[in-house]
N, C-alpha and C. Protein backbone atom coordinates (compact mmCIF):
# COMPACT_ATOMS: atom_id res chain seq x y z
N UNK A 1 -80.17 65.05 -28.11
CA UNK A 1 -79.50 62.75 -27.98
C UNK A 1 -78.82 63.22 -26.40
N UNK A 2 -78.67 62.43 -25.88
CA UNK A 2 -77.64 62.56 -24.67
C UNK A 2 -76.32 61.90 -25.26
N UNK A 3 -75.22 62.57 -24.73
CA UNK A 3 -74.20 62.24 -24.64
C UNK A 3 -73.49 60.60 -23.74
N UNK A 4 -74.83 59.76 -23.35
CA UNK A 4 -74.40 58.64 -23.10
C UNK A 4 -75.01 57.53 -23.99
N UNK A 5 -75.72 57.84 -24.77
CA UNK A 5 -76.60 57.50 -25.34
C UNK A 5 -75.93 56.30 -26.69
N UNK A 6 -75.78 54.61 -26.23
CA UNK A 6 -74.93 53.93 -27.34
C UNK A 6 -75.05 54.03 -28.87
N UNK A 7 -74.27 54.01 -29.30
CA UNK A 7 -74.15 53.73 -30.80
C UNK A 7 -73.48 52.87 -31.26
N UNK A 8 -74.42 52.02 -32.49
CA UNK A 8 -73.49 51.04 -32.85
C UNK A 8 -72.53 51.47 -33.92
N UNK A 9 -71.09 51.09 -33.76
CA UNK A 9 -70.00 51.13 -34.29
C UNK A 9 -70.05 50.25 -35.88
N UNK A 10 -70.54 49.03 -35.26
CA UNK A 10 -70.28 47.70 -36.15
C UNK A 10 -70.20 46.69 -35.51
N UNK A 11 -70.24 45.44 -36.55
CA UNK A 11 -70.50 44.53 -35.49
C UNK A 11 -69.44 43.08 -36.00
N UNK A 12 -69.78 41.78 -35.37
CA UNK A 12 -68.51 40.85 -35.70
C UNK A 12 -69.22 39.65 -35.70
N UNK A 13 -69.38 39.11 -36.57
CA UNK A 13 -69.35 37.16 -36.35
C UNK A 13 -67.86 36.49 -35.28
N UNK A 14 -68.23 36.30 -33.70
CA UNK A 14 -67.00 35.28 -33.37
C UNK A 14 -67.47 34.07 -33.85
N UNK A 15 -66.04 33.16 -35.03
CA UNK A 15 -66.21 31.99 -34.49
C UNK A 15 -65.66 30.98 -33.55
N UNK A 16 -66.52 29.76 -33.74
CA UNK A 16 -65.66 28.94 -32.61
C UNK A 16 -64.59 29.09 -32.35
N UNK A 17 -64.12 29.02 -30.73
CA UNK A 17 -62.85 28.85 -30.79
C UNK A 17 -61.92 30.03 -31.13
N UNK A 18 -62.65 31.24 -31.44
CA UNK A 18 -61.63 32.79 -31.07
C UNK A 18 -62.02 33.97 -30.32
N UNK A 19 -61.06 34.57 -30.33
CA UNK A 19 -61.09 35.84 -28.93
C UNK A 19 -61.09 36.77 -29.89
N UNK A 20 -61.27 37.77 -28.98
CA UNK A 20 -61.66 39.25 -29.49
C UNK A 20 -60.28 39.83 -28.74
N UNK A 21 -59.37 40.23 -29.51
CA UNK A 21 -57.85 41.28 -28.99
C UNK A 21 -58.17 42.77 -29.06
N UNK A 22 -57.45 42.98 -27.91
CA UNK A 22 -57.88 44.91 -28.00
C UNK A 22 -56.63 45.34 -28.47
N UNK A 23 -55.86 46.15 -29.71
CA UNK A 23 -54.94 46.50 -29.41
C UNK A 23 -54.83 48.33 -29.13
N UNK A 24 -53.94 48.73 -28.32
CA UNK A 24 -54.14 50.18 -27.90
C UNK A 24 -53.04 50.95 -29.15
N UNK A 25 -53.25 51.39 -30.03
CA UNK A 25 -51.98 52.56 -30.71
C UNK A 25 -51.47 53.23 -29.94
N UNK A 26 -51.62 53.45 -28.86
CA UNK A 26 -50.57 54.15 -28.08
C UNK A 26 -49.38 53.78 -27.07
N UNK A 27 -50.08 52.43 -25.91
CA UNK A 27 -49.03 52.02 -25.64
C UNK A 27 -48.48 51.05 -26.27
N UNK A 28 -49.10 50.24 -27.79
CA UNK A 28 -48.83 49.23 -28.69
C UNK A 28 -49.04 47.70 -27.75
N UNK A 29 -50.09 48.09 -27.02
CA UNK A 29 -50.43 46.86 -25.66
C UNK A 29 -51.55 46.15 -26.77
N UNK A 30 -51.22 44.25 -26.93
CA UNK A 30 -52.19 43.39 -27.22
C UNK A 30 -52.76 42.82 -25.96
N UNK A 31 -54.06 42.61 -25.69
CA UNK A 31 -54.25 42.21 -24.89
C UNK A 31 -56.28 41.05 -24.92
N UNK A 32 -56.20 40.05 -24.24
CA UNK A 32 -57.51 39.82 -25.03
C UNK A 32 -58.84 40.55 -24.39
N UNK A 33 -59.75 40.58 -24.78
CA UNK A 33 -61.41 41.90 -25.08
C UNK A 33 -62.22 40.84 -24.03
N UNK A 34 -62.03 41.44 -22.29
CA UNK A 34 -63.11 40.29 -21.45
C UNK A 34 -63.72 41.43 -21.45
N UNK A 35 -63.75 42.73 -21.09
CA UNK A 35 -64.87 43.56 -20.66
C UNK A 35 -66.00 43.71 -21.69
N UNK A 36 -67.20 42.51 -21.93
CA UNK A 36 -68.11 43.05 -22.59
C UNK A 36 -69.64 42.15 -21.70
N UNK A 37 -70.61 43.05 -21.83
CA UNK A 37 -71.91 42.72 -21.96
C UNK A 37 -72.74 41.79 -22.68
N UNK A 38 -74.00 40.93 -21.83
CA UNK A 38 -74.26 40.11 -22.26
C UNK A 38 -76.16 40.60 -22.51
N UNK A 39 -76.49 40.73 -24.00
CA UNK A 39 -78.01 40.90 -23.96
C UNK A 39 -78.50 39.54 -23.58
N UNK A 40 -79.86 40.18 -23.48
CA UNK A 40 -81.22 39.18 -23.44
C UNK A 40 -81.17 37.98 -24.88
N UNK A 41 -80.83 38.51 -26.21
CA UNK A 41 -80.15 37.23 -26.97
C UNK A 41 -79.25 36.73 -26.82
N UNK A 42 -78.33 36.84 -25.79
CA UNK A 42 -77.01 36.45 -26.18
C UNK A 42 -75.86 37.49 -27.08
N UNK A 43 -76.12 38.08 -27.32
CA UNK A 43 -75.33 38.73 -28.36
C UNK A 43 -74.49 39.64 -26.95
N UNK A 44 -73.12 39.62 -26.81
CA UNK A 44 -71.86 40.62 -26.63
C UNK A 44 -71.94 42.15 -27.07
N UNK A 45 -71.59 42.79 -26.01
CA UNK A 45 -71.87 44.13 -26.15
C UNK A 45 -70.72 44.43 -25.97
N UNK A 46 -69.50 44.87 -26.67
CA UNK A 46 -68.39 46.03 -25.99
C UNK A 46 -68.08 47.08 -26.06
N UNK A 47 -68.01 47.73 -24.75
CA UNK A 47 -67.24 49.00 -24.93
C UNK A 47 -66.12 49.44 -25.98
N UNK A 48 -66.20 50.24 -26.49
CA UNK A 48 -64.91 50.79 -27.25
C UNK A 48 -64.06 51.44 -26.46
N UNK A 49 -62.95 51.20 -26.92
CA UNK A 49 -62.06 52.79 -26.27
C UNK A 49 -61.58 53.16 -27.33
N UNK A 50 -60.88 54.39 -26.72
CA UNK A 50 -60.29 55.21 -27.64
C UNK A 50 -58.57 54.99 -28.24
N UNK A 51 -58.45 55.21 -28.84
CA UNK A 51 -57.74 54.81 -29.78
C UNK A 51 -57.14 52.76 -29.88
N UNK A 52 -58.16 52.22 -29.85
CA UNK A 52 -58.02 51.14 -29.86
C UNK A 52 -58.59 50.28 -30.91
N UNK A 53 -57.68 48.84 -32.16
CA UNK A 53 -58.47 48.46 -32.75
C UNK A 53 -58.58 47.18 -31.95
N UNK A 54 -59.67 46.71 -32.64
CA UNK A 54 -60.69 44.83 -31.90
C UNK A 54 -60.59 44.33 -33.07
N UNK A 55 -59.56 43.15 -32.54
CA UNK A 55 -59.20 42.32 -33.84
C UNK A 55 -59.53 40.88 -33.24
N UNK A 56 -60.08 40.03 -33.86
CA UNK A 56 -60.94 38.59 -33.80
C UNK A 56 -59.28 37.40 -34.34
N UNK A 57 -59.10 36.94 -33.58
CA UNK A 57 -58.41 35.57 -34.00
C UNK A 57 -58.60 34.69 -33.05
N UNK A 58 -57.69 33.51 -33.19
CA UNK A 58 -57.36 32.25 -32.85
C UNK A 58 -56.82 32.52 -31.14
N UNK A 59 -56.05 33.03 -32.26
CA UNK A 59 -54.47 33.19 -30.46
C UNK A 59 -53.98 34.47 -30.68
N UNK A 60 -53.07 34.75 -29.80
CA UNK A 60 -52.33 35.90 -30.23
C UNK A 60 -51.54 36.29 -31.21
N UNK A 61 -50.64 34.89 -31.23
CA UNK A 61 -49.68 34.65 -32.46
C UNK A 61 -50.74 35.03 -33.78
N UNK A 62 -51.84 34.74 -34.27
CA UNK A 62 -52.52 35.32 -35.53
C UNK A 62 -53.03 36.72 -35.16
N UNK A 63 -53.06 37.21 -33.95
CA UNK A 63 -53.84 38.56 -33.88
C UNK A 63 -52.70 39.56 -34.01
N UNK A 64 -51.33 39.14 -34.04
CA UNK A 64 -50.00 39.64 -34.24
C UNK A 64 -49.93 39.90 -35.52
N UNK A 65 -50.30 38.39 -36.15
CA UNK A 65 -50.10 39.00 -37.99
C UNK A 65 -50.95 39.45 -38.31
N UNK A 66 -52.22 39.37 -38.17
CA UNK A 66 -53.41 40.20 -39.16
C UNK A 66 -53.21 41.57 -38.71
N UNK A 67 -52.47 42.24 -37.26
CA UNK A 67 -51.94 43.63 -37.29
C UNK A 67 -50.92 44.28 -38.12
N UNK A 68 -50.24 43.00 -38.44
CA UNK A 68 -48.73 43.30 -39.15
C UNK A 68 -49.33 43.85 -40.72
N UNK A 69 -50.70 43.06 -41.43
CA UNK A 69 -51.14 43.00 -42.38
C UNK A 69 -52.10 44.64 -42.77
N UNK A 70 -52.56 44.67 -41.30
CA UNK A 70 -52.99 45.95 -41.38
C UNK A 70 -52.40 47.19 -41.85
N UNK A 71 -50.71 46.89 -41.15
CA UNK A 71 -50.30 48.43 -41.59
C UNK A 71 -49.71 48.51 -42.94
N UNK A 72 -49.65 47.16 -43.94
CA UNK A 72 -49.29 46.90 -45.02
C UNK A 72 -50.07 48.18 -46.21
């Protein structure tokens, strides 16, 4: 197997109006994930980064709330 081969880590269903946020655990930075590729079926593929959590939320405030609930 090649080191560059893609591996499915999981899947998420994005609801209408929601955004995918990326939370870096080392720098504690929360940002909208805009780096993705779209395949021929319209599915988005996100390149996963090390030390990052990915959260679906309506806005940044809800993403922070979901992060706090994960920490409990």
